[in-house]
Amino acid sequence: QVQLAQSGGGLVQAGGSLRLSCAASVRTFSIYAMSWFRQAPGKEREFVSRISFNGGSTSYADFVKGRFTISRDNAKNTVYLQMNSLKPEDTAVYFCAKDRFTYGLGSSSAFGYDVWGQGTQVTVSS
């Protein structure tokens, strides 16, 4: 059973930075695209960013472009989300997710992912 263990997050002032990590307990991590989603209170879960299985392709939601960077280290079975210039509206629980298919680019739809991390709270104060 694949598990995703998230770390990072916390409380930061507007304009600050945080880095989220997501470590996968699967030896075949390198064949799966990975993504980050977030869910704010009272809102639907929304796509933030994705990275292809080999790291060669990434995409971002418009509201984080230029501020967030997704990356992965396949040797460490870990995907990261570097978040800079944080805004209060970035406050949410952030989730990493594993693509249900192999050797893909990933998707902006939550239905494309079959394993989710436990979530980590990011709170940005104004």
Foldseek 3Di string as FASTA:
>chain_A
DKAKAKDKADEEAAQAKIKIKIAIPDLVLLFWKKFKWWDAPPGDIFGAKIAFSNRPDMDGDPVQPPFWDWGDDSVRRMIMIIGGRDDQVVWTWMKMFIAPDTRDGDDRDPVRGDYMHPTDTHGYHD
